[in-house]
N, C-alpha and C. Protein backbone atom coordinates (compact mmCIF):
# COMPACT_ATOMS: atom_id res chain seq x y z
N MET A 1 -37.23 35.56 -18.67
CA MET A 1 -36.36 36.28 -19.61
C MET A 1 -36.32 35.53 -20.96
N LEU A 2 -35.94 34.26 -20.90
CA LEU A 2 -35.87 33.49 -22.15
C LEU A 2 -37.23 33.36 -22.80
N LEU A 3 -38.25 33.14 -21.97
CA LEU A 3 -39.60 32.96 -22.50
C LEU A 3 -40.07 34.21 -23.23
N GLU A 4 -39.79 35.38 -22.65
CA GLU A 4 -40.20 36.64 -23.29
C GLU A 4 -39.48 36.81 -24.63
N GLN A 5 -38.20 36.49 -24.66
CA GLN A 5 -37.42 36.62 -25.90
C GLN A 5 -37.99 35.68 -26.96
N TRP A 6 -38.32 34.45 -26.54
CA TRP A 6 -38.88 33.45 -27.45
C TRP A 6 -40.22 33.92 -28.00
N ALA A 7 -41.05 34.48 -27.11
CA ALA A 7 -42.38 34.96 -27.53
C ALA A 7 -42.24 36.11 -28.52
N SER A 8 -41.33 37.03 -28.27
CA SER A 8 -41.16 38.17 -29.18
C SER A 8 -40.64 37.70 -30.53
N GLU A 9 -39.78 36.70 -30.52
CA GLU A 9 -39.26 36.17 -31.80
C GLU A 9 -40.39 35.55 -32.60
N ILE A 10 -41.26 34.80 -31.93
CA ILE A 10 -42.39 34.16 -32.63
C ILE A 10 -43.31 35.24 -33.18
N LYS A 11 -43.56 36.28 -32.38
CA LYS A 11 -44.43 37.37 -32.84
C LYS A 11 -43.85 38.00 -34.10
N GLU A 12 -42.55 38.22 -34.10
CA GLU A 12 -41.91 38.84 -35.27
C GLU A 12 -42.02 37.92 -36.49
N LYS A 13 -41.81 36.63 -36.28
CA LYS A 13 -41.90 35.68 -37.41
C LYS A 13 -43.31 35.65 -37.97
N ILE A 14 -44.31 35.61 -37.07
CA ILE A 14 -45.71 35.59 -37.53
C ILE A 14 -46.02 36.88 -38.28
N HIS A 15 -45.59 38.00 -37.72
CA HIS A 15 -45.88 39.30 -38.35
C HIS A 15 -45.24 39.38 -39.73
N SER A 16 -43.99 38.95 -39.84
CA SER A 16 -43.29 39.03 -41.13
C SER A 16 -43.93 38.09 -42.15
N SER A 17 -44.32 36.91 -41.70
CA SER A 17 -44.94 35.96 -42.64
C SER A 17 -46.31 36.46 -43.07
N LEU A 18 -47.03 37.09 -42.14
CA LEU A 18 -48.35 37.63 -42.48
C LEU A 18 -48.21 38.76 -43.50
N SER A 19 -47.28 39.67 -43.25
CA SER A 19 -47.12 40.81 -44.17
C SER A 19 -46.62 40.34 -45.54
N SER A 20 -45.77 39.34 -45.56
CA SER A 20 -45.28 38.84 -46.85
C SER A 20 -46.40 38.13 -47.60
N THR A 21 -47.26 37.43 -46.87
CA THR A 21 -48.40 36.76 -47.50
C THR A 21 -49.35 37.80 -48.07
N THR A 22 -49.61 38.85 -47.29
CA THR A 22 -50.50 39.91 -47.76
C THR A 22 -49.92 40.58 -48.99
N PHE A 23 -48.60 40.81 -48.97
CA PHE A 23 -47.95 41.46 -50.10
C PHE A 23 -48.05 40.61 -51.36
N SER A 24 -47.77 39.32 -51.23
CA SER A 24 -47.83 38.43 -52.41
C SER A 24 -49.26 38.31 -52.91
N THR A 25 -50.22 38.32 -51.99
CA THR A 25 -51.63 38.24 -52.41
C THR A 25 -52.01 39.48 -53.20
N LYS A 26 -51.62 40.65 -52.68
CA LYS A 26 -51.93 41.90 -53.39
C LYS A 26 -51.25 41.91 -54.76
N LYS A 27 -50.02 41.42 -54.80
CA LYS A 27 -49.28 41.39 -56.06
C LYS A 27 -49.99 40.49 -57.06
N THR A 28 -50.43 39.33 -56.61
CA THR A 28 -51.13 38.40 -57.50
C THR A 28 -52.42 39.01 -58.01
N LEU A 29 -53.15 39.66 -57.11
CA LEU A 29 -54.43 40.27 -57.50
C LEU A 29 -54.21 41.37 -58.53
N SER A 30 -53.18 42.19 -58.32
CA SER A 30 -52.93 43.29 -59.25
C SER A 30 -52.44 42.75 -60.60
N GLU A 31 -51.72 41.63 -60.58
CA GLU A 31 -51.22 41.06 -61.84
C GLU A 31 -52.36 40.45 -62.66
N ARG A 32 -53.41 40.00 -61.99
CA ARG A 32 -54.52 39.35 -62.71
C ARG A 32 -55.34 40.35 -63.50
N LYS A 33 -55.35 41.60 -63.08
CA LYS A 33 -56.18 42.61 -63.77
C LYS A 33 -55.72 42.83 -65.20
C-alpha cells in the first residue's frame, strides 16, 4: 500500500518536472526567434 502510493507520487513528480522542462524549453526556443 505505502509502496504503491510512494511510486505514484514519484511518477507524478517526474511527469510534472518533465512537462515543466519541456514547457520552458519551448518557451526559450520561441523567444529566440
